[in-house]
C-alpha atoms as a PDB file:
ATOM      1  CA  MET A   1     -55.483 -49.798 -23.024  1.00  0.00           C
ATOM      2  CA  GLU A   2     -56.706 -47.700 -20.092  1.00  0.00           C
ATOM      3  CA  ALA A   3     -53.238 -47.577 -18.553  1.00  0.00           C
ATOM      4  CA  THR A   4     -51.680 -46.525 -21.856  1.00  0.00           C
ATOM      5  CA  ILE A   5     -54.153 -43.691 -22.441  1.00  0.00           C
ATOM      6  CA  ALA A   6     -53.784 -42.573 -18.818  1.00  0.00           C
ATOM      7  CA  SER A   7     -50.010 -42.435 -19.231  1.00  0.00           C
ATOM      8  CA  ILE A   8     -50.413 -40.344 -22.407  1.00  0.00           C
ATOM      9  CA  VAL A   9     -52.645 -37.844 -20.593  1.00  0.00           C
ATOM     10  CA  ALA A  10     -50.143 -37.625 -17.732  1.00  0.00           C
ATOM     11  CA  ALA A  11     -47.080 -37.327 -19.998  1.00  0.00           C
ATOM     12  CA  ALA A  12     -48.676 -34.559 -22.063  1.00  0.00           C
ATOM     13  CA  ALA A  13     -49.730 -32.395 -19.090  1.00  0.00           C
ATOM     14  CA  PRO A  14     -46.570 -30.204 -18.980  1.00  0.00           C
ATOM     15  CA  LEU A  15     -46.757 -29.648 -22.724  1.00  0.00           C
ATOM     16  CA  VAL A  16     -50.422 -28.636 -22.384  1.00  0.00           C
ATOM     17  CA  PHE A  17     -49.435 -25.914 -19.900  1.00  0.00           C
ATOM     18  CA  ALA A  18     -46.653 -24.628 -22.164  1.00  0.00           C
ATOM     19  CA  ALA A  19     -48.560 -24.749 -25.462  1.00  0.00           C
ATOM     20  CA  VAL A  20     -51.813 -23.287 -24.107  1.00  0.00           C
ATOM     21  CA  GLY A  21     -49.796 -20.604 -22.306  1.00  0.00           C
ATOM     22  CA  GLU A  22     -48.038 -19.648 -25.531  1.00  0.00           C
ATOM     23  CA  THR A  23     -51.408 -19.666 -27.311  1.00  0.00           C
ATOM     24  CA  ILE A  24     -52.644 -16.999 -24.878  1.00  0.00           C
ATOM     25  CA  THR A  25     -49.505 -14.923 -25.415  1.00  0.00           C
ATOM     26  CA  GLU A  26     -49.610 -15.144 -29.206  1.00  0.00           C
ATOM     27  CA  LYS A  27     -53.356 -14.503 -29.318  1.00  0.00           C
ATOM     28  CA  ALA A  28     -52.523 -10.995 -28.083  1.00  0.00           C
ATOM     29  CA  GLY A  29     -49.850 -10.556 -30.769  1.00  0.00           C
ATOM     30  CA  VAL A  30     -46.726 -11.265 -28.698  1.00  0.00           C
ATOM     31  CA  VAL A  31     -44.261 -13.958 -29.809  1.00  0.00           C
ATOM     32  CA  ASN A  32     -42.317 -15.533 -26.950  1.00  0.00           C
ATOM     33  CA  LEU A  33     -39.545 -17.666 -28.433  1.00  0.00           C
ATOM     34  CA  SER A  34     -37.865 -18.079 -25.057  1.00  0.00           C
ATOM     35  CA  LEU A  35     -40.015 -21.133 -24.247  1.00  0.00           C
ATOM     36  CA  ASP A  36     -37.237 -23.729 -24.425  1.00  0.00           C
ATOM     37  CA  GLY A  37     -34.994 -21.746 -22.083  1.00  0.00           C
ATOM     38  CA  SER A  38     -37.884 -20.732 -19.834  1.00  0.00           C
ATOM     39  CA  ILE A  39     -38.961 -24.356 -19.398  1.00  0.00           C
ATOM     40  CA  ALA A  40     -35.388 -25.377 -18.576  1.00  0.00           C
ATOM     41  CA  LEU A  41     -34.873 -22.569 -16.042  1.00  0.00           C
ATOM     42  CA  SER A  42     -38.259 -23.044 -14.379  1.00  0.00           C
ATOM     43  CA  ALA A  43     -37.773 -26.823 -14.225  1.00  0.00           C
ATOM     44  CA  MET A  44     -34.398 -26.363 -12.544  1.00  0.00           C
ATOM     45  CA  ALA A  45     -35.523 -23.604 -10.173  1.00  0.00           C
ATOM     46  CA  SER A  46     -38.733 -25.425  -9.216  1.00  0.00           C
ATOM     47  CA  PHE A  47     -36.888 -28.622  -8.399  1.00  0.00           C
ATOM     48  CA  ALA A  48     -34.161 -26.760  -6.517  1.00  0.00           C
ATOM     49  CA  VAL A  49     -36.695 -24.889  -4.369  1.00  0.00           C
ATOM     50  CA  ALA A  50     -38.723 -28.039  -3.703  1.00  0.00           C
ATOM     51  CA  PHE A  51     -35.525 -29.951  -2.905  1.00  0.00           C
ATOM     52  CA  LEU A  52     -34.320 -27.310  -0.431  1.00  0.00           C
ATOM     53  CA  THR A  53     -37.683 -26.542   1.210  1.00  0.00           C
ATOM     54  CA  GLY A  54     -39.564 -29.796   0.767  1.00  0.00           C
ATOM     55  CA  SER A  55     -42.510 -27.846  -0.666  1.00  0.00           C
ATOM     56  CA  VAL A  56     -43.744 -28.830  -4.129  1.00  0.00           C
ATOM     57  CA  VAL A  57     -46.251 -25.943  -4.089  1.00  0.00           C
ATOM     58  CA  LEU A  58     -43.464 -23.428  -3.513  1.00  0.00           C
ATOM     59  CA  GLY A  59     -41.494 -25.027  -6.324  1.00  0.00           C
ATOM     60  CA  PHE A  60     -44.378 -24.558  -8.751  1.00  0.00           C
ATOM     61  CA  ALA A  61     -44.857 -20.949  -7.606  1.00  0.00           C
ATOM     62  CA  VAL A  62     -41.198 -20.077  -8.183  1.00  0.00           C
ATOM     63  CA  GLY A  63     -41.236 -21.653 -11.643  1.00  0.00           C
ATOM     64  CA  ALA A  64     -44.361 -19.716 -12.623  1.00  0.00           C
ATOM     65  CA  ILE A  65     -42.972 -16.384 -11.365  1.00  0.00           C
ATOM     66  CA  LEU A  66     -39.612 -16.806 -13.085  1.00  0.00           C
ATOM     67  CA  SER A  67     -41.111 -17.683 -16.441  1.00  0.00           C
ATOM     68  CA  ALA A  68     -43.712 -14.900 -16.185  1.00  0.00           C
ATOM     69  CA  LEU A  69     -40.908 -12.382 -15.651  1.00  0.00           C
ATOM     70  CA  VAL A  70     -39.078 -13.698 -18.719  1.00  0.00           C
ATOM     71  CA  ALA A  71     -42.224 -13.398 -20.845  1.00  0.00           C
ATOM     72  CA  MET A  72     -42.796  -9.875 -19.529  1.00  0.00           C
ATOM     73  CA  LEU A  73     -39.228  -9.017 -20.564  1.00  0.00           C
ATOM     74  CA  VAL A  74     -39.971 -10.232 -24.104  1.00  0.00           C
ATOM     75  CA  ALA A  75     -43.180  -8.184 -24.167  1.00  0.00           C
ATOM     76  CA  PHE A  76     -41.396  -5.109 -22.765  1.00  0.00           C
ATOM     77  CA  SER A  77     -38.691  -5.366 -25.416  1.00  0.00           C
ATOM     78  CA  GLY A  78     -41.336  -5.203 -28.130  1.00  0.00           C
ATOM     79  CA  ILE A  79     -43.909  -2.868 -26.597  1.00  0.00           C
ATOM     80  CA  ARG A  80     -41.641  -0.278 -24.976  1.00  0.00           C
ATOM     81  CA  LEU A  81     -38.233  -0.710 -26.644  1.00  0.00           C
ATOM     82  CA  ARG A  82     -39.587  -1.519 -30.144  1.00  0.00           C
ATOM     83  CA  LEU A  83     -37.154  -4.404 -30.502  1.00  0.00           C
ATOM     84  CA  ASN A  84     -37.697  -7.511 -32.601  1.00  0.00           C
ATOM     85  CA  GLN A  85     -39.567  -9.981 -30.366  1.00  0.00           C
ATOM     86  CA  VAL A  86     -38.318 -13.028 -32.272  1.00  0.00           C
ATOM     87  CA  ALA A  87     -34.663 -12.021 -31.906  1.00  0.00           C
ATOM     88  CA  VAL A  88     -35.041 -11.188 -28.209  1.00  0.00           C
ATOM     89  CA  GLY A  89     -36.819 -14.469 -27.477  1.00  0.00           C
ATOM     90  CA  PHE A  90     -34.233 -16.514 -29.357  1.00  0.00           C
ATOM     91  CA  VAL A  91     -31.337 -14.909 -27.478  1.00  0.00           C
ATOM     92  CA  LEU A  92     -33.142 -15.393 -24.172  1.00  0.00           C
ATOM     93  CA  THR A  93     -33.789 -19.093 -24.761  1.00  0.00           C
ATOM     94  CA  LEU A  94     -30.061 -19.707 -25.305  1.00  0.00           C
ATOM     95  CA  LEU A  95     -29.134 -17.620 -22.257  1.00  0.00           C
ATOM     96  CA  LEU A  96     -31.724 -19.221 -19.967  1.00  0.00           C
ATOM     97  CA  ALA A  97     -30.822 -22.773 -21.016  1.00  0.00           C
ATOM     98  CA  ALA A  98     -27.146 -22.111 -20.276  1.00  0.00           C
ATOM     99  CA  LEU A  99     -28.064 -20.470 -16.957  1.00  0.00           C
ATOM    100  CA  ALA A 100     -30.233 -23.436 -15.962  1.00  0.00           C
ATOM    101  CA  GLN A 101     -27.431 -25.854 -16.782  1.00  0.00           C
ATOM    102  CA  PHE A 102     -24.877 -23.854 -14.777  1.00  0.00           C
ATOM    103  CA  LEU A 103     -27.016 -23.141 -11.703  1.00  0.00           C
ATOM    104  CA  GLY A 104     -28.565 -26.598 -11.700  1.00  0.00           C
ATOM    105  CA  ASN A 105     -25.315 -28.573 -11.448  1.00  0.00           C
ATOM    106  CA  PRO A 106     -25.648 -29.231  -7.678  1.00  0.00           C
ATOM    107  CA  PHE A 107     -29.138 -30.703  -8.207  1.00  0.00           C
ATOM    108  CA  VAL A 108     -28.493 -33.020 -11.158  1.00  0.00           C
ATOM    109  CA  ARG A 109     -30.080 -36.447 -10.550  1.00  0.00           C
ATOM    110  CA  GLN A 110     -30.742 -35.686  -6.887  1.00  0.00           C
ATOM    111  CA  PRO A 111     -33.803 -37.413  -5.397  1.00  0.00           C
ATOM    112  CA  GLY A 112     -36.421 -34.917  -4.323  1.00  0.00           C
ATOM    113  CA  PRO A 113     -40.113 -34.341  -3.627  1.00  0.00           C
ATOM    114  CA  SER A 114     -42.711 -34.863  -6.331  1.00  0.00           C
ATOM    115  CA  VAL A 115     -46.414 -34.391  -6.995  1.00  0.00           C
ATOM    116  CA  ARG A 116     -48.372 -37.157  -5.302  1.00  0.00           C
ATOM    117  CA  PRO A 117     -51.182 -39.154  -6.965  1.00  0.00           C
ATOM    118  CA  MET A 118     -54.631 -37.990  -5.926  1.00  0.00           C
ATOM    119  CA  SER A 119     -57.566 -40.018  -7.207  1.00  0.00           C
ATOM    120  CA  VAL A 120     -60.986 -38.374  -7.210  1.00  0.00           C
ATOM    121  CA  PRO A 121     -63.354 -40.378  -4.991  1.00  0.00           C
ATOM    122  CA  LEU A 122     -66.190 -42.138  -6.841  1.00  0.00           C
ATOM    123  CA  LEU A 123     -65.248 -40.617 -10.217  1.00  0.00           C
ATOM    124  CA  SER A 124     -62.059 -42.667 -10.387  1.00  0.00           C
ATOM    125  CA  GLU A 125     -64.195 -45.807 -10.172  1.00  0.00           C
ATOM    126  CA  ILE A 126     -66.058 -45.049 -13.411  1.00  0.00           C
ATOM    127  CA  PRO A 127     -65.196 -47.762 -15.949  1.00  0.00           C
ATOM    128  CA  PHE A 128     -62.512 -46.768 -18.467  1.00  0.00           C
ATOM    129  CA  VAL A 129     -62.873 -42.965 -18.126  1.00  0.00           C
ATOM    130  CA  GLY A 130     -62.310 -42.996 -14.379  1.00  0.00           C
ATOM    131  CA  ARG A 131     -58.823 -44.455 -14.569  1.00  0.00           C
ATOM    132  CA  ILE A 132     -57.824 -42.151 -17.433  1.00  0.00           C
ATOM    133  CA  LEU A 133     -59.112 -38.808 -16.124  1.00  0.00           C
ATOM    134  CA  PHE A 134     -59.734 -39.167 -12.405  1.00  0.00           C
ATOM    135  CA  ALA A 135     -56.891 -41.367 -11.129  1.00  0.00           C
ATOM    136  CA  GLN A 136     -54.121 -38.859 -11.851  1.00  0.00           C
ATOM    137  CA  ASN A 137     -52.679 -36.009  -9.762  1.00  0.00           C
ATOM    138  CA  ILE A 138     -53.383 -32.312  -9.270  1.00  0.00           C
ATOM    139  CA  SER A 139     -50.986 -31.301 -12.062  1.00  0.00           C
ATOM    140  CA  VAL A 140     -52.872 -33.380 -14.645  1.00  0.00           C
ATOM    141  CA  TYR A 141     -56.280 -32.232 -13.370  1.00  0.00           C
ATOM    142  CA  ALA A 142     -55.153 -28.596 -13.639  1.00  0.00           C
ATOM    143  CA  SER A 143     -54.041 -29.110 -17.245  1.00  0.00           C
ATOM    144  CA  LEU A 144     -57.467 -30.529 -18.158  1.00  0.00           C
ATOM    145  CA  VAL A 145     -59.300 -27.663 -16.454  1.00  0.00           C
ATOM    146  CA  LEU A 146     -56.987 -25.167 -18.179  1.00  0.00           C
ATOM    147  CA  ILE A 147     -58.037 -26.376 -21.639  1.00  0.00           C
ATOM    148  CA  VAL A 148     -61.731 -25.922 -20.874  1.00  0.00           C
ATOM    149  CA  VAL A 149     -61.320 -22.541 -19.166  1.00  0.00           C
ATOM    150  CA  VAL A 150     -59.123 -20.974 -21.869  1.00  0.00           C
ATOM    151  CA  ALA A 151     -61.366 -22.275 -24.674  1.00  0.00           C
ATOM    152  CA  TRP A 152     -64.388 -20.800 -22.877  1.00  0.00           C
ATOM    153  CA  VAL A 153     -62.655 -17.445 -22.281  1.00  0.00           C
ATOM    154  CA  PHE A 154     -61.597 -17.198 -25.935  1.00  0.00           C
ATOM    155  CA  ARG A 155     -65.067 -17.961 -27.305  1.00  0.00           C
ATOM    156  CA  ARG A 156     -67.558 -16.762 -24.705  1.00  0.00           C
ATOM    157  CA  THR A 157     -66.191 -13.767 -22.839  1.00  0.00           C
ATOM    158  CA  ARG A 158     -65.504 -10.114 -23.574  1.00  0.00           C
ATOM    159  CA  VAL A 159     -61.918 -10.552 -22.421  1.00  0.00           C
ATOM    160  CA  GLY A 160     -61.392 -13.235 -25.052  1.00  0.00           C
ATOM    161  CA  LEU A 161     -62.906 -11.091 -27.791  1.00  0.00           C
ATOM    162  CA  GLU A 162     -60.808  -8.074 -26.838  1.00  0.00           C
ATOM    163  CA  LEU A 163     -57.692 -10.239 -26.622  1.00  0.00           C
ATOM    164  CA  ALA A 164     -58.343 -11.481 -30.162  1.00  0.00           C
ATOM    165  CA  ALA A 165     -58.926  -7.903 -31.327  1.00  0.00           C
ATOM    166  CA  VAL A 166     -55.567  -6.824 -29.893  1.00  0.00           C
ATOM    167  CA  GLY A 167     -53.829  -9.648 -31.747  1.00  0.00           C
ATOM    168  CA  GLU A 168     -55.680  -9.108 -35.027  1.00  0.00           C
ATOM    169  CA  ARG A 169     -56.255  -5.349 -35.342  1.00  0.00           C
ATOM    170  CA  PRO A 170     -54.499  -3.433 -32.558  1.00  0.00           C
ATOM    171  CA  GLU A 171     -55.258  -0.093 -34.251  1.00  0.00           C
ATOM    172  CA  ALA A 172     -58.986  -0.827 -34.282  1.00  0.00           C
ATOM    173  CA  ALA A 173     -58.864  -2.142 -30.719  1.00  0.00           C
ATOM    174  CA  HIS A 174     -57.121   1.063 -29.569  1.00  0.00           C
ATOM    175  CA  ALA A 175     -59.709   3.170 -31.370  1.00  0.00           C
ATOM    176  CA  ARG A 176     -62.438   1.383 -29.381  1.00  0.00           C
ATOM    177  CA  GLY A 177     -60.727   2.265 -26.108  1.00  0.00           C
ATOM    178  CA  ILE A 178     -58.994  -1.082 -25.488  1.00  0.00           C
ATOM    179  CA  SER A 179     -55.521  -0.805 -23.951  1.00  0.00           C
ATOM    180  CA  VAL A 180     -53.354  -2.798 -26.347  1.00  0.00           C
ATOM    181  CA  SER A 181     -50.265  -2.618 -24.128  1.00  0.00           C
ATOM    182  CA  ARG A 182     -52.166  -3.743 -21.030  1.00  0.00           C
ATOM    183  CA  TYR A 183     -53.648  -6.742 -22.807  1.00  0.00           C
ATOM    184  CA  ARG A 184     -50.300  -7.714 -24.303  1.00  0.00           C
ATOM    185  CA  PHE A 185     -48.455  -7.442 -20.993  1.00  0.00           C
ATOM    186  CA  GLY A 186     -51.222  -9.367 -19.254  1.00  0.00           C
ATOM    187  CA  ALA A 187     -51.282 -12.129 -21.872  1.00  0.00           C
ATOM    188  CA  ALA A 188     -47.487 -12.407 -21.737  1.00  0.00           C
ATOM    189  CA  ALA A 189     -47.549 -12.675 -17.935  1.00  0.00           C
ATOM    190  CA  VAL A 190     -50.297 -15.319 -17.844  1.00  0.00           C
ATOM    191  CA  GLY A 191     -48.825 -17.297 -20.727  1.00  0.00           C
ATOM    192  CA  GLY A 192     -45.334 -17.093 -19.250  1.00  0.00           C
ATOM    193  CA  ALA A 193     -46.560 -18.279 -15.859  1.00  0.00           C
ATOM    194  CA  LEU A 194     -48.157 -21.317 -17.510  1.00  0.00           C
ATOM    195  CA  VAL A 195     -44.863 -22.065 -19.285  1.00  0.00           C
ATOM    196  CA  GLY A 196     -43.161 -21.943 -15.875  1.00  0.00           C
ATOM    197  CA  ILE A 197     -45.738 -24.355 -14.476  1.00  0.00           C
ATOM    198  CA  ALA A 198     -44.897 -26.633 -17.406  1.00  0.00           C
ATOM    199  CA  GLY A 199     -41.222 -26.611 -16.403  1.00  0.00           C
ATOM    200  CA  ALA A 200     -42.138 -27.350 -12.794  1.00  0.00           C
ATOM    201  CA  ALA A 201     -44.423 -30.197 -13.910  1.00  0.00           C
ATOM    202  CA  PHE A 202     -41.547 -31.751 -15.846  1.00  0.00           C
ATOM    203  CA  SER A 203     -39.106 -31.858 -12.924  1.00  0.00           C
ATOM    204  CA  LEU A 204     -41.625 -32.455 -10.116  1.00  0.00           C
ATOM    205  CA  ASP A 205     -44.030 -34.815 -11.842  1.00  0.00           C
ATOM    206  CA  VAL A 206     -43.191 -36.327 -15.237  1.00  0.00           C
ATOM    207  CA  LYS A 207     -39.375 -36.472 -15.244  1.00  0.00           C
ATOM    208  CA  LEU A 208     -38.873 -36.518 -11.440  1.00  0.00           C
ATOM    209  CA  GLY A 209     -35.621 -34.659 -10.934  1.00  0.00           C
ATOM    210  CA  TRP A 210     -33.432 -32.194 -12.741  1.00  0.00           C
ATOM    211  CA  SER A 211     -31.193 -32.714 -15.741  1.00  0.00           C
ATOM    212  CA  ASP A 212     -30.852 -30.211 -18.569  1.00  0.00           C
ATOM    213  CA  THR A 213     -31.213 -32.969 -21.183  1.00  0.00           C
ATOM    214  CA  GLN A 214     -34.629 -34.016 -19.837  1.00  0.00           C
ATOM    215  CA  VAL A 215     -36.440 -30.893 -21.025  1.00  0.00           C
ATOM    216  CA  ALA A 216     -34.344 -29.877 -24.039  1.00  0.00           C
ATOM    217  CA  GLY A 217     -36.437 -29.298 -27.152  1.00  0.00           C
ATOM    218  CA  PHE A 218     -39.863 -29.284 -25.502  1.00  0.00           C
ATOM    219  CA  GLY A 219     -40.181 -25.507 -25.801  1.00  0.00           C
ATOM    220  CA  TRP A 220     -39.727 -25.678 -29.570  1.00  0.00           C
ATOM    221  CA  ILE A 221     -42.263 -28.503 -29.756  1.00  0.00           C
ATOM    222  CA  ALA A 222     -44.749 -26.373 -27.785  1.00  0.00           C
ATOM    223  CA  LEU A 223     -44.262 -23.536 -30.284  1.00  0.00           C
ATOM    224  CA  ALA A 224     -44.834 -25.943 -33.174  1.00  0.00           C
ATOM    225  CA  ILE A 225     -47.974 -27.335 -31.545  1.00  0.00           C
ATOM    226  CA  VAL A 226     -49.426 -23.826 -31.214  1.00  0.00           C
ATOM    227  CA  ILE A 227     -49.175 -23.507 -34.996  1.00  0.00           C
ATOM    228  CA  PHE A 228     -50.411 -27.080 -35.453  1.00  0.00           C
ATOM    229  CA  GLY A 229     -53.469 -26.278 -33.337  1.00  0.00           C
ATOM    230  CA  GLY A 230     -54.204 -23.060 -35.197  1.00  0.00           C
ATOM    231  CA  TRP A 231     -54.082 -20.933 -32.023  1.00  0.00           C
ATOM    232  CA  ARG A 232     -57.190 -22.768 -30.761  1.00  0.00           C
ATOM    233  CA  PRO A 233     -56.834 -24.176 -27.217  1.00  0.00           C
ATOM    234  CA  VAL A 234     -58.672 -27.461 -27.804  1.00  0.00           C
ATOM    235  CA  TRP A 235     -56.740 -28.258 -30.984  1.00  0.00           C
ATOM    236  CA  VAL A 236     -53.493 -27.191 -29.323  1.00  0.00           C
ATOM    237  CA  ALA A 237     -54.230 -29.619 -26.488  1.00  0.00           C
ATOM    238  CA  LEU A 238     -54.966 -32.395 -28.987  1.00  0.00           C
ATOM    239  CA  GLY A 239     -51.548 -31.721 -30.525  1.00  0.00           C
ATOM    240  CA  CYS A 240     -49.990 -32.112 -27.083  1.00  0.00           C
ATOM    241  CA  TYR A 241     -51.720 -35.449 -26.580  1.00  0.00           C
ATOM    242  CA  LEU A 242     -50.613 -36.584 -30.018  1.00  0.00           C
ATOM    243  CA  PHE A 243     -47.024 -35.802 -29.081  1.00  0.00           C
ATOM    244  CA  GLY A 244     -47.523 -37.562 -25.733  1.00  0.00           C
ATOM    245  CA  ALA A 245     -48.832 -40.625 -27.586  1.00  0.00           C
ATOM    246  CA  LEU A 246     -45.730 -40.634 -29.804  1.00  0.00           C
ATOM    247  CA  GLN A 247     -43.524 -40.464 -26.700  1.00  0.00           C
ATOM    248  CA  VAL A 248     -45.299 -43.364 -25.013  1.00  0.00           C
ATOM    249  CA  LEU A 249     -45.157 -45.372 -28.243  1.00  0.00           C
ATOM    250  CA  ALA A 250     -41.411 -44.767 -28.508  1.00  0.00           C
ATOM    251  CA  LEU A 251     -40.893 -46.004 -24.947  1.00  0.00           C
ATOM    252  CA  LYS A 252     -42.956 -49.135 -25.575  1.00  0.00           C
ATOM    253  CA  LEU A 253     -40.986 -49.903 -28.744  1.00  0.00           C
ATOM    254  CA  GLN A 254     -37.600 -49.731 -27.023  1.00  0.00           C
ATOM    255  CA  PRO A 255     -37.692 -53.386 -25.826  1.00  0.00           C
ATOM    256  CA  VAL A 256     -38.868 -54.486 -29.271  1.00  0.00           C
ATOM    257  CA  PHE A 257     -36.056 -52.687 -31.106  1.00  0.00           C
ATOM    258  CA  PRO A 258     -33.157 -52.626 -28.611  1.00  0.00           C
ATOM    259  CA  GLY A 259     -30.664 -51.839 -31.370  1.00  0.00           C
ATOM    260  CA  VAL A 260     -32.190 -48.389 -31.897  1.00  0.00           C
ATOM    261  CA  ALA A 261     -33.043 -47.690 -28.254  1.00  0.00           C
ATOM    262  CA  GLN A 262     -31.216 -44.360 -28.306  1.00  0.00           C
ATOM    263  CA  ILE A 263     -32.988 -43.153 -31.452  1.00  0.00           C
ATOM    264  CA  LEU A 264     -36.590 -44.033 -30.550  1.00  0.00           C
ATOM    265  CA  PRO A 265     -37.059 -41.434 -27.750  1.00  0.00           C
ATOM    266  CA  SER A 266     -36.178 -38.667 -30.218  1.00  0.00           C
ATOM    267  CA  LEU A 267     -38.595 -39.868 -32.940  1.00  0.00           C
ATOM    268  CA  PRO A 268     -41.602 -37.858 -31.638  1.00  0.00           C
ATOM    269  CA  PHE A 269     -39.752 -34.616 -32.410  1.00  0.00           C
ATOM    270  CA  PRO A 270     -39.280 -35.129 -36.208  1.00  0.00           C
ATOM    271  CA  LEU A 271     -42.682 -36.836 -36.448  1.00  0.00           C
ATOM    272  CA  MET A 272     -44.349 -33.800 -34.883  1.00  0.00           C
ATOM    273  CA  ILE A 273     -42.532 -31.476 -37.271  1.00  0.00           C
ATOM    274  CA  PHE A 274     -43.587 -33.710 -40.190  1.00  0.00           C
ATOM    275  CA  THR A 275     -47.206 -33.523 -39.043  1.00  0.00           C
ATOM    276  CA  LEU A 276     -46.890 -29.732 -38.831  1.00  0.00           C
ATOM    277  CA  VAL A 277     -45.620 -29.591 -42.425  1.00  0.00           C
ATOM    278  CA  VAL A 278     -48.488 -31.787 -43.637  1.00  0.00           C
ATOM    279  CA  VAL A 279     -51.125 -29.722 -41.846  1.00  0.00           C
ATOM    280  CA  ASN A 280     -49.788 -26.520 -43.403  1.00  0.00           C
ATOM    281  CA  SER A 281     -49.246 -27.967 -46.880  1.00  0.00           C
ATOM    282  CA  ASP A 282     -50.710 -26.340 -49.995  1.00  0.00           C
ATOM    283  CA  ARG A 283     -52.671 -29.494 -50.826  1.00  0.00           C
ATOM    284  CA  LEU A 284     -54.458 -29.454 -47.479  1.00  0.00           C
ATOM    285  CA  GLN A 285     -55.144 -25.743 -47.869  1.00  0.00           C
ATOM    286  CA  ARG A 286     -56.688 -26.347 -51.302  1.00  0.00           C
ATOM    287  CA  LEU A 287     -58.794 -29.114 -49.769  1.00  0.00           C
ATOM    288  CA  GLY A 288     -59.947 -26.638 -47.130  1.00  0.00           C
ATOM    289  CA  GLU A 289     -60.907 -24.129 -49.823  1.00  0.00           C
ATOM    290  CA  ARG A 290     -62.915 -26.795 -51.636  1.00  0.00           C
ATOM    291  CA  PHE A 291     -64.675 -27.925 -48.467  1.00  0.00           C
ATOM    292  CA  PRO A 292     -65.113 -24.827 -46.230  1.00  0.00           C
ATOM    293  CA  PHE A 293     -66.300 -26.830 -43.217  1.00  0.00           C
ATOM    294  CA  LEU A 294     -63.155 -28.977 -43.360  1.00  0.00           C
ATOM    295  CA  GLY A 295     -61.059 -25.858 -43.777  1.00  0.00           C
ATOM    296  CA  ARG A 296     -62.533 -24.227 -40.678  1.00  0.00           C
ATOM    297  CA  LEU A 297     -62.006 -27.459 -38.763  1.00  0.00           C
ATOM    298  CA  LEU A 298     -58.375 -28.109 -39.728  1.00  0.00           C
ATOM    299  CA  MET A 299     -56.887 -24.699 -40.449  1.00  0.00           C
ATOM    300  CA  SER A 300     -56.688 -21.346 -38.748  1.00  0.00           C
ATOM    301  CA  ASP A 301     -54.579 -18.321 -39.609  1.00  0.00           C
ATOM    302  CA  ALA A 302     -52.132 -16.752 -37.172  1.00  0.00           C
ATOM    303  CA  PRO A 303     -53.193 -13.497 -35.470  1.00  0.00           C
ATOM    304  CA  ALA A 304     -52.649 -10.798 -38.085  1.00  0.00           C
ATOM    305  CA  ALA A 305     -50.565  -8.578 -35.789  1.00  0.00           C
ATOM    306  CA  LEU A 306     -48.474 -11.420 -34.341  1.00  0.00           C
ATOM    307  CA  GLY A 307     -44.950 -10.213 -33.554  1.00  0.00           C
ATOM    308  CA  THR A 308     -45.639  -6.593 -34.578  1.00  0.00           C
ATOM    309  CA  ASN A 309     -44.949  -3.615 -32.343  1.00  0.00           C
ATOM    310  CA  PHE A 310     -47.976  -1.355 -32.004  1.00  0.00           C
ATOM    311  CA  GLU A 311     -47.342   2.364 -31.607  1.00  0.00           C
ATOM    312  CA  VAL A 312     -50.001   4.649 -30.152  1.00  0.00           C
END
């Protein structure tokens, strides 16, 4: 049981980076639909840099920078050029995925460096919890810290409150002297960098190597999980771990059902979409209206100004 839960936490770490990063971006009112392409490009570039230099740290840095630039481009298209953010992000994800496939050909299935395990002394010896949380690697530890930090910033800091104001009522935020454009560019850059770290974590930790098929679809799942989690970091992370559990379950069922071995790895994707539909169903919403506490717990509306272009 401990090993299974530990593997779920490790497998979900890249998705935590991507989904929490997109949560930050969307909280400010910017929609970045380039996630699938950004993850592919950052995964390829991170592995290529680590393969050529032998430095995993440099690989992660390159992935974060590349994806941050892409997210900034999406934000610029909406904030300065007044273009449709959804359309720009969708075009970019197709372009970036094709670019990653083309540029990554020399590195397909090449052995390369990876993130090394790094148990925390003493804490890793704690029964049950120690093996799950403290016998991982720096990538997993960073994903756990990220959840706590972002949740705290959103709920307990002025930056979090102003970020929410920019995403909900940009006109009111501007009237109070808050720079809407600065917050949106900043949120896009931070969120994009985290998406790039997710790509790097896939190729340098979870998937170990580069192949365009290894990361295909995870960007769309991250976007779905943001909605599933109601733009709340802790719930978004729980959605990531649910998806990770479905992935691990599919892998464990492959020997049991060898005849459908090729179908099982793809089952988490439709199951996650099904869960998303259930969570956002009218029946559940009516249940939330009847029991307000349950409604606050399970449901949360999108930022009111999400995807809109604010003009000063």
